[in-house]
C-alpha atoms as a PDB file:
ATOM      1  CA  UNK A   1      24.465 -52.142  -1.989  1.00  0.00           C
ATOM      2  CA  UNK A   2      27.610 -50.892  -3.671  1.00  0.00           C
ATOM      3  CA  UNK A   3      28.235 -47.378  -2.394  1.00  0.00           C
ATOM      4  CA  UNK A   4      30.065 -46.538  -5.577  1.00  0.00           C
ATOM      5  CA  UNK A   5      27.188 -47.420  -7.835  1.00  0.00           C
ATOM      6  CA  UNK A   6      25.136 -44.844  -9.653  1.00  0.00           C
ATOM      7  CA  UNK A   7      21.917 -46.158  -8.103  1.00  0.00           C
ATOM      8  CA  UNK A   8      23.305 -45.736  -4.574  1.00  0.00           C
ATOM      9  CA  UNK A   9      24.464 -42.166  -5.264  1.00  0.00           C
ATOM     10  CA  UNK A  10      21.063 -41.258  -6.819  1.00  0.00           C
ATOM     11  CA  UNK A  11      19.178 -42.664  -3.821  1.00  0.00           C
ATOM     12  CA  UNK A  12      21.503 -40.995  -1.324  1.00  0.00           C
ATOM     13  CA  UNK A  13      21.094 -37.624  -3.016  1.00  0.00           C
ATOM     14  CA  UNK A  14      17.276 -38.056  -3.146  1.00  0.00           C
ATOM     15  CA  UNK A  15      17.130 -38.943   0.564  1.00  0.00           C
ATOM     16  CA  UNK A  16      19.363 -36.017   1.490  1.00  0.00           C
ATOM     17  CA  UNK A  17      17.246 -33.599  -0.542  1.00  0.00           C
ATOM     18  CA  UNK A  18      14.090 -34.879   1.064  1.00  0.00           C
ATOM     19  CA  UNK A  19      15.571 -34.605   4.585  1.00  0.00           C
ATOM     20  CA  UNK A  20      17.030 -31.119   4.054  1.00  0.00           C
ATOM     21  CA  UNK A  21      13.770 -29.936   2.414  1.00  0.00           C
ATOM     22  CA  UNK A  22      11.767 -31.251   5.352  1.00  0.00           C
ATOM     23  CA  UNK A  23      14.081 -29.590   7.889  1.00  0.00           C
ATOM     24  CA  UNK A  24      13.909 -26.278   6.102  1.00  0.00           C
ATOM     25  CA  UNK A  25      10.088 -26.477   5.840  1.00  0.00           C
ATOM     26  CA  UNK A  26       9.811 -27.145   9.566  1.00  0.00           C
ATOM     27  CA  UNK A  27      12.173 -24.235  10.393  1.00  0.00           C
ATOM     28  CA  UNK A  28      10.128 -21.999   8.162  1.00  0.00           C
ATOM     29  CA  UNK A  29       6.851 -22.912   9.769  1.00  0.00           C
ATOM     30  CA  UNK A  30       8.349 -22.511  13.258  1.00  0.00           C
ATOM     31  CA  UNK A  31       9.725 -19.042  12.461  1.00  0.00           C
ATOM     32  CA  UNK A  32       6.838 -17.774  10.331  1.00  0.00           C
ATOM     33  CA  UNK A  33       4.694 -16.506  13.254  1.00  0.00           C
ATOM     34  CA  UNK A  34       7.585 -14.456  14.605  1.00  0.00           C
ATOM     35  CA  UNK A  35       8.408 -13.134  11.182  1.00  0.00           C
ATOM     36  CA  UNK A  36       4.801 -12.068  10.609  1.00  0.00           C
ATOM     37  CA  UNK A  37       4.720 -10.351  14.007  1.00  0.00           C
ATOM     38  CA  UNK A  38       7.942  -8.464  13.218  1.00  0.00           C
ATOM     39  CA  UNK A  39       6.485  -7.309   9.942  1.00  0.00           C
ATOM     40  CA  UNK A  40       3.277  -6.279  11.665  1.00  0.00           C
ATOM     41  CA  UNK A  41       5.281  -4.354  14.238  1.00  0.00           C
ATOM     42  CA  UNK A  42       7.171  -2.542  11.524  1.00  0.00           C
ATOM     43  CA  UNK A  43       3.839  -1.462  10.072  1.00  0.00           C
ATOM     44  CA  UNK A  44       2.661  -0.360  13.511  1.00  0.00           C
ATOM     45  CA  UNK A  45       5.816   1.791  13.840  1.00  0.00           C
ATOM     46  CA  UNK A  46       5.105   3.449  10.561  1.00  0.00           C
ATOM     47  CA  UNK A  47       1.580   4.266  11.584  1.00  0.00           C
ATOM     48  CA  UNK A  48       2.684   5.598  14.996  1.00  0.00           C
ATOM     49  CA  UNK A  49       5.400   7.665  13.283  1.00  0.00           C
ATOM     50  CA  UNK A  50       2.685   9.509  11.250  1.00  0.00           C
ATOM     51  CA  UNK A  51       1.245  10.407  14.696  1.00  0.00           C
ATOM     52  CA  UNK A  52       4.633  11.535  16.028  1.00  0.00           C
ATOM     53  CA  UNK A  53       4.567   8.644  18.513  1.00  0.00           C
ATOM     54  CA  UNK A  54       7.529   6.404  19.210  1.00  0.00           C
ATOM     55  CA  UNK A  55       7.372   3.205  21.319  1.00  0.00           C
ATOM     56  CA  UNK A  56       9.853   3.110  24.203  1.00  0.00           C
ATOM     57  CA  UNK A  57      11.500   0.015  22.680  1.00  0.00           C
ATOM     58  CA  UNK A  58      10.776  -2.677  20.099  1.00  0.00           C
ATOM     59  CA  UNK A  59       9.188  -5.015  22.694  1.00  0.00           C
ATOM     60  CA  UNK A  60       6.444  -2.345  23.409  1.00  0.00           C
ATOM     61  CA  UNK A  61       5.518  -1.477  19.823  1.00  0.00           C
ATOM     62  CA  UNK A  62       2.255  -3.494  19.815  1.00  0.00           C
ATOM     63  CA  UNK A  63       1.408  -2.238  23.400  1.00  0.00           C
ATOM     64  CA  UNK A  64       1.969   1.312  22.336  1.00  0.00           C
ATOM     65  CA  UNK A  65      -0.060   0.924  19.165  1.00  0.00           C
ATOM     66  CA  UNK A  66      -3.000  -0.535  21.014  1.00  0.00           C
ATOM     67  CA  UNK A  67      -2.805   2.210  23.545  1.00  0.00           C
ATOM     68  CA  UNK A  68      -3.298   5.014  20.968  1.00  0.00           C
ATOM     69  CA  UNK A  69      -5.185   3.292  18.108  1.00  0.00           C
ATOM     70  CA  UNK A  70      -8.636   3.064  19.713  1.00  0.00           C
ATOM     71  CA  UNK A  71     -10.753   1.979  16.715  1.00  0.00           C
ATOM     72  CA  UNK A  72     -10.326   0.424  13.237  1.00  0.00           C
ATOM     73  CA  UNK A  73     -12.843   1.580  10.576  1.00  0.00           C
ATOM     74  CA  UNK A  74     -13.750   0.708   6.996  1.00  0.00           C
ATOM     75  CA  UNK A  75     -15.613   3.553   5.270  1.00  0.00           C
ATOM     76  CA  UNK A  76     -17.339   3.744   1.882  1.00  0.00           C
ATOM     77  CA  UNK A  77     -17.007   6.564  -0.690  1.00  0.00           C
ATOM     78  CA  UNK A  78     -20.024   8.310   0.789  1.00  0.00           C
ATOM     79  CA  UNK A  79     -18.125   8.610   4.072  1.00  0.00           C
ATOM     80  CA  UNK A  80     -20.240   6.048   5.911  1.00  0.00           C
ATOM     81  CA  UNK A  81     -18.747   3.532   8.295  1.00  0.00           C
ATOM     82  CA  UNK A  82     -19.324   0.016   7.011  1.00  0.00           C
ATOM     83  CA  UNK A  83     -17.175  -1.955   9.483  1.00  0.00           C
ATOM     84  CA  UNK A  84     -15.435  -1.336  12.763  1.00  0.00           C
ATOM     85  CA  UNK A  85     -14.275  -4.829  13.807  1.00  0.00           C
ATOM     86  CA  UNK A  86     -10.933  -5.121  15.524  1.00  0.00           C
ATOM     87  CA  UNK A  87      -7.965  -4.874  13.109  1.00  0.00           C
ATOM     88  CA  UNK A  88     -10.315  -4.500  10.088  1.00  0.00           C
ATOM     89  CA  UNK A  89      -8.385  -1.530   8.806  1.00  0.00           C
ATOM     90  CA  UNK A  90      -4.909  -2.813   9.826  1.00  0.00           C
ATOM     91  CA  UNK A  91      -5.532  -6.057   7.954  1.00  0.00           C
ATOM     92  CA  UNK A  92      -6.168  -4.417   4.564  1.00  0.00           C
ATOM     93  CA  UNK A  93      -3.363  -5.144   2.144  1.00  0.00           C
ATOM     94  CA  UNK A  94      -2.976  -1.868   0.279  1.00  0.00           C
ATOM     95  CA  UNK A  95      -0.887  -3.361  -2.578  1.00  0.00           C
ATOM     96  CA  UNK A  96      -3.890  -5.454  -3.635  1.00  0.00           C
ATOM     97  CA  UNK A  97      -6.511  -2.985  -2.420  1.00  0.00           C
ATOM     98  CA  UNK A  98      -5.513  -0.078  -4.669  1.00  0.00           C
ATOM     99  CA  UNK A  99      -6.010  -2.306  -7.744  1.00  0.00           C
ATOM    100  CA  UNK A 100      -9.604  -3.225  -6.913  1.00  0.00           C
ATOM    101  CA  UNK A 101     -12.445  -1.485  -8.739  1.00  0.00           C
ATOM    102  CA  UNK A 102     -14.272  -1.021  -5.379  1.00  0.00           C
ATOM    103  CA  UNK A 103     -11.536  -0.335  -2.869  1.00  0.00           C
ATOM    104  CA  UNK A 104     -11.898  -0.809   0.915  1.00  0.00           C
ATOM    105  CA  UNK A 105     -11.141   2.570   2.632  1.00  0.00           C
ATOM    106  CA  UNK A 106      -9.331   1.735   5.937  1.00  0.00           C
ATOM    107  CA  UNK A 107      -9.039   4.299   8.732  1.00  0.00           C
ATOM    108  CA  UNK A 108      -7.202   3.983  12.081  1.00  0.00           C
ATOM    109  CA  UNK A 109      -8.706   6.255  14.722  1.00  0.00           C
ATOM    110  CA  UNK A 110      -6.233   7.509  17.358  1.00  0.00           C
ATOM    111  CA  UNK A 111      -6.696   9.199  20.655  1.00  0.00           C
ATOM    112  CA  UNK A 112      -3.689  11.237  21.762  1.00  0.00           C
ATOM    113  CA  UNK A 113      -2.514  11.891  25.288  1.00  0.00           C
ATOM    114  CA  UNK A 114      -4.244  15.328  25.248  1.00  0.00           C
ATOM    115  CA  UNK A 115      -7.548  13.707  24.293  1.00  0.00           C
ATOM    116  CA  UNK A 116      -7.483  14.912  20.683  1.00  0.00           C
ATOM    117  CA  UNK A 117      -8.557  12.540  17.895  1.00  0.00           C
ATOM    118  CA  UNK A 118      -6.558  11.815  14.782  1.00  0.00           C
ATOM    119  CA  UNK A 119      -7.460   9.679  11.708  1.00  0.00           C
ATOM    120  CA  UNK A 120      -4.741   7.779   9.959  1.00  0.00           C
ATOM    121  CA  UNK A 121      -5.239   6.990   6.227  1.00  0.00           C
ATOM    122  CA  UNK A 122      -2.961   4.515   4.422  1.00  0.00           C
ATOM    123  CA  UNK A 123      -1.417   5.169   1.074  1.00  0.00           C
ATOM    124  CA  UNK A 124       0.187   2.958  -1.650  1.00  0.00           C
ATOM    125  CA  UNK A 125       1.698   3.912  -4.999  1.00  0.00           C
ATOM    126  CA  UNK A 126       4.751   3.656  -7.287  1.00  0.00           C
ATOM    127  CA  UNK A 127       8.095   5.306  -7.162  1.00  0.00           C
ATOM    128  CA  UNK A 128      10.986   5.140  -9.581  1.00  0.00           C
ATOM    129  CA  UNK A 129      12.228   1.711  -8.812  1.00  0.00           C
ATOM    130  CA  UNK A 130       9.355   0.027  -7.002  1.00  0.00           C
ATOM    131  CA  UNK A 131       6.371   0.511  -4.682  1.00  0.00           C
ATOM    132  CA  UNK A 132       6.173   3.400  -2.171  1.00  0.00           C
ATOM    133  CA  UNK A 133       3.638   3.596   0.603  1.00  0.00           C
ATOM    134  CA  UNK A 134       2.788   5.580   3.683  1.00  0.00           C
ATOM    135  CA  UNK A 135       0.287   7.010   6.183  1.00  0.00           C
ATOM    136  CA  UNK A 136      -1.257  10.382   6.525  1.00  0.00           C
ATOM    137  CA  UNK A 137      -2.708  11.445   9.937  1.00  0.00           C
ATOM    138  CA  UNK A 138      -5.481  14.029   9.728  1.00  0.00           C
ATOM    139  CA  UNK A 139      -6.858  16.115  12.643  1.00  0.00           C
ATOM    140  CA  UNK A 140     -10.434  15.630  13.685  1.00  0.00           C
ATOM    141  CA  UNK A 141     -11.318  18.764  11.714  1.00  0.00           C
ATOM    142  CA  UNK A 142     -11.124  16.579   8.664  1.00  0.00           C
ATOM    143  CA  UNK A 143      -8.840  19.102   6.931  1.00  0.00           C
ATOM    144  CA  UNK A 144      -5.501  19.617   8.609  1.00  0.00           C
ATOM    145  CA  UNK A 145      -2.619  17.060   8.173  1.00  0.00           C
ATOM    146  CA  UNK A 146      -1.192  16.213  11.598  1.00  0.00           C
ATOM    147  CA  UNK A 147       1.708  14.070  10.332  1.00  0.00           C
ATOM    148  CA  UNK A 148       2.905  11.780   7.597  1.00  0.00           C
ATOM    149  CA  UNK A 149       5.197   8.789   7.147  1.00  0.00           C
ATOM    150  CA  UNK A 150       6.444   7.361   3.864  1.00  0.00           C
ATOM    151  CA  UNK A 151       8.409   4.240   3.041  1.00  0.00           C
ATOM    152  CA  UNK A 152       9.796   2.590  -0.070  1.00  0.00           C
ATOM    153  CA  UNK A 153      11.101  -0.655  -1.377  1.00  0.00           C
ATOM    154  CA  UNK A 154      14.072   0.440  -3.495  1.00  0.00           C
ATOM    155  CA  UNK A 155      14.323   4.150  -4.204  1.00  0.00           C
ATOM    156  CA  UNK A 156      17.770   5.577  -4.810  1.00  0.00           C
ATOM    157  CA  UNK A 157      19.739   6.269  -1.581  1.00  0.00           C
ATOM    158  CA  UNK A 158      20.293   9.976  -1.051  1.00  0.00           C
ATOM    159  CA  UNK A 159      17.711  10.854  -3.707  1.00  0.00           C
ATOM    160  CA  UNK A 160      14.256   9.247  -3.839  1.00  0.00           C
ATOM    161  CA  UNK A 161      14.910   7.344  -0.646  1.00  0.00           C
ATOM    162  CA  UNK A 162      14.661  10.654   1.141  1.00  0.00           C
ATOM    163  CA  UNK A 163      10.889  10.375   1.125  1.00  0.00           C
ATOM    164  CA  UNK A 164      11.492   8.382   4.346  1.00  0.00           C
ATOM    165  CA  UNK A 165      13.369  11.227   5.937  1.00  0.00           C
ATOM    166  CA  UNK A 166      11.831  13.282   8.759  1.00  0.00           C
ATOM    167  CA  UNK A 167      12.607  16.616   7.034  1.00  0.00           C
ATOM    168  CA  UNK A 168      10.533  15.708   3.980  1.00  0.00           C
ATOM    169  CA  UNK A 169       7.691  14.186   5.996  1.00  0.00           C
ATOM    170  CA  UNK A 170       7.566  17.212   8.332  1.00  0.00           C
ATOM    171  CA  UNK A 171       6.700  19.456   5.385  1.00  0.00           C
ATOM    172  CA  UNK A 172       3.178  17.889   5.344  1.00  0.00           C
ATOM    173  CA  UNK A 173       2.365  19.010   8.894  1.00  0.00           C
ATOM    174  CA  UNK A 174      -0.380  21.620   8.969  1.00  0.00           C
ATOM    175  CA  UNK A 175      -1.138  21.409   5.258  1.00  0.00           C
ATOM    176  CA  UNK A 176      -4.819  21.552   4.424  1.00  0.00           C
ATOM    177  CA  UNK A 177      -6.688  19.139   2.239  1.00  0.00           C
ATOM    178  CA  UNK A 178      -9.580  21.505   1.481  1.00  0.00           C
ATOM    179  CA  UNK A 179      -9.545  25.008   0.086  1.00  0.00           C
ATOM    180  CA  UNK A 180     -12.702  27.146   0.481  1.00  0.00           C
ATOM    181  CA  UNK A 181     -14.708  23.994   1.231  1.00  0.00           C
ATOM    182  CA  UNK A 182     -13.483  22.107  -1.840  1.00  0.00           C
ATOM    183  CA  UNK A 183     -11.217  19.046  -1.626  1.00  0.00           C
ATOM    184  CA  UNK A 184      -7.839  19.723  -3.205  1.00  0.00           C
ATOM    185  CA  UNK A 185      -5.481  17.397  -1.424  1.00  0.00           C
ATOM    186  CA  UNK A 186      -1.813  18.180  -1.422  1.00  0.00           C
ATOM    187  CA  UNK A 187       0.686  18.063  -4.246  1.00  0.00           C
ATOM    188  CA  UNK A 188       4.512  17.601  -4.439  1.00  0.00           C
ATOM    189  CA  UNK A 189       6.028  19.999  -6.967  1.00  0.00           C
ATOM    190  CA  UNK A 190       9.420  21.350  -7.947  1.00  0.00           C
ATOM    191  CA  UNK A 191      10.389  24.389  -5.956  1.00  0.00           C
ATOM    192  CA  UNK A 192       9.142  27.511  -7.790  1.00  0.00           C
ATOM    193  CA  UNK A 193       6.255  25.806  -9.499  1.00  0.00           C
ATOM    194  CA  UNK A 194       2.669  26.546  -8.464  1.00  0.00           C
ATOM    195  CA  UNK A 195      -0.241  24.124  -8.165  1.00  0.00           C
ATOM    196  CA  UNK A 196      -2.767  24.686 -10.955  1.00  0.00           C
ATOM    197  CA  UNK A 197      -5.561  23.245  -8.779  1.00  0.00           C
ATOM    198  CA  UNK A 198      -4.980  25.541  -5.808  1.00  0.00           C
ATOM    199  CA  UNK A 199      -3.839  22.653  -3.577  1.00  0.00           C
ATOM    200  CA  UNK A 200      -1.226  23.371  -0.927  1.00  0.00           C
ATOM    201  CA  UNK A 201       2.129  22.051  -2.064  1.00  0.00           C
ATOM    202  CA  UNK A 202       5.300  20.350  -0.835  1.00  0.00           C
ATOM    203  CA  UNK A 203       8.678  20.938  -2.426  1.00  0.00           C
ATOM    204  CA  UNK A 204       9.875  17.987  -4.406  1.00  0.00           C
ATOM    205  CA  UNK A 205      13.148  16.280  -3.532  1.00  0.00           C
ATOM    206  CA  UNK A 206      16.080  17.602  -5.495  1.00  0.00           C
ATOM    207  CA  UNK A 207      17.328  15.000  -8.006  1.00  0.00           C
ATOM    208  CA  UNK A 208      14.279  12.748  -7.338  1.00  0.00           C
ATOM    209  CA  UNK A 209      11.637  14.070  -9.651  1.00  0.00           C
ATOM    210  CA  UNK A 210      10.056  10.778 -10.511  1.00  0.00           C
ATOM    211  CA  UNK A 211       9.834   9.669  -6.876  1.00  0.00           C
ATOM    212  CA  UNK A 212       8.452  12.997  -5.861  1.00  0.00           C
ATOM    213  CA  UNK A 213       5.813  12.771  -8.592  1.00  0.00           C
ATOM    214  CA  UNK A 214       5.059   9.255  -7.395  1.00  0.00           C
ATOM    215  CA  UNK A 215       4.360  10.498  -3.931  1.00  0.00           C
ATOM    216  CA  UNK A 216       2.085  13.252  -5.338  1.00  0.00           C
ATOM    217  CA  UNK A 217       0.181  10.774  -7.485  1.00  0.00           C
ATOM    218  CA  UNK A 218      -0.133   8.376  -4.541  1.00  0.00           C
ATOM    219  CA  UNK A 219      -1.584  11.117  -2.400  1.00  0.00           C
ATOM    220  CA  UNK A 220      -4.151  12.165  -5.001  1.00  0.00           C
ATOM    221  CA  UNK A 221      -5.145   8.542  -5.703  1.00  0.00           C
ATOM    222  CA  UNK A 222      -5.438   7.460  -2.144  1.00  0.00           C
ATOM    223  CA  UNK A 223      -6.808  10.555  -0.339  1.00  0.00           C
ATOM    224  CA  UNK A 224      -9.426  11.515  -2.832  1.00  0.00           C
ATOM    225  CA  UNK A 225     -11.714   8.512  -2.026  1.00  0.00           C
ATOM    226  CA  UNK A 226     -11.844   9.811   1.612  1.00  0.00           C
ATOM    227  CA  UNK A 227     -13.260  13.191   0.579  1.00  0.00           C
ATOM    228  CA  UNK A 228     -16.803  12.594   1.878  1.00  0.00           C
ATOM    229  CA  UNK A 229     -15.531  10.934   5.002  1.00  0.00           C
ATOM    230  CA  UNK A 230     -13.375  13.985   5.712  1.00  0.00           C
ATOM    231  CA  UNK A 231     -16.312  16.323   4.926  1.00  0.00           C
ATOM    232  CA  UNK A 232     -18.429  14.504   7.490  1.00  0.00           C
ATOM    233  CA  UNK A 233     -15.673  15.029  10.090  1.00  0.00           C
ATOM    234  CA  UNK A 234     -15.788  18.730   9.318  1.00  0.00           C
ATOM    235  CA  UNK A 235     -19.558  18.735   9.789  1.00  0.00           C
ATOM    236  CA  UNK A 236     -19.665  16.718  12.975  1.00  0.00           C
ATOM    237  CA  UNK A 237     -16.299  17.292  14.599  1.00  0.00           C
ATOM    238  CA  UNK A 238     -15.617  13.585  14.429  1.00  0.00           C
ATOM    239  CA  UNK A 239     -18.622  12.682  16.574  1.00  0.00           C
ATOM    240  CA  UNK A 240     -20.187  10.454  13.843  1.00  0.00           C
ATOM    241  CA  UNK A 241     -17.115   8.284  13.808  1.00  0.00           C
ATOM    242  CA  UNK A 242     -17.704   6.744  17.188  1.00  0.00           C
ATOM    243  CA  UNK A 243     -19.922   3.923  15.838  1.00  0.00           C
ATOM    244  CA  UNK A 244     -19.863   0.641  17.656  1.00  0.00           C
ATOM    245  CA  UNK A 245     -18.664  -2.561  16.036  1.00  0.00           C
ATOM    246  CA  UNK A 246     -20.574  -3.661  13.004  1.00  0.00           C
ATOM    247  CA  UNK A 247     -19.020  -7.129  13.262  1.00  0.00           C
ATOM    248  CA  UNK A 248     -17.886  -8.640  16.503  1.00  0.00           C
ATOM    249  CA  UNK A 249     -15.676 -11.359  15.006  1.00  0.00           C
ATOM    250  CA  UNK A 250     -12.054 -10.548  15.682  1.00  0.00           C
ATOM    251  CA  UNK A 251      -9.947 -10.677  12.584  1.00  0.00           C
ATOM    252  CA  UNK A 252      -6.379 -11.963  12.457  1.00  0.00           C
ATOM    253  CA  UNK A 253      -3.642  -9.360  12.538  1.00  0.00           C
ATOM    254  CA  UNK A 254      -1.681  -9.715   9.308  1.00  0.00           C
ATOM    255  CA  UNK A 255       0.962  -7.732   7.527  1.00  0.00           C
ATOM    256  CA  UNK A 256      -0.459  -5.080   5.265  1.00  0.00           C
ATOM    257  CA  UNK A 257       2.615  -3.369   3.901  1.00  0.00           C
ATOM    258  CA  UNK A 258       3.875  -3.664   1.309  1.00  0.00           C
ATOM    259  CA  UNK A 259       1.945  -6.867   0.485  1.00  0.00           C
END
């Protein structure tokens, strides 16, 4: 065949595209499990950060997570446990979950080195430029916040992006979700303003009003459905949350943030 002919050049280009596409597909398939595990480990780091726990190094993130997170739970709006299979809470994709009319309510139960129990609740919302998400760890009294971690996709560096800073997240420590027995949550407000609902408040980030309001709205939207679960913790000291597995089938560990 004449190598200078149009037919030859078209066939050559088609074969090269096919070969390159096949190679890229094979590389993608080979790397995908590792990529998924890296994403899952990043999520584990965020959850551990809400608990003030850091893995010794990246190779021990999963081991550290499995040491402290002793049980996954799904609860309903009445505060009852509906599932406790392995990874059932970790596998919930909050981006899709928050849009459902009947959300799943995932809880990660943690046992600290001193024997105390914490419950980690995932959050998902909207900032100024894109999604924001996070985790709030609550003491077994069902009321006091033990720690928080927030992340974002594209908030402005030095402004809204500061929701991921330790200084901002540490403001949530020891805040209370209930006031005089009534669920109030926590709100993020400009310094000097006062919550009209009686909720304890966090100072908004200077120059990042919209992102701060996004965090506040996310907390209200995602914490409120857990009200009855938290009230049950208050009444039972966490004892009712030691239910055995409802389902014994082990689920796959998948990325849940920010998908």
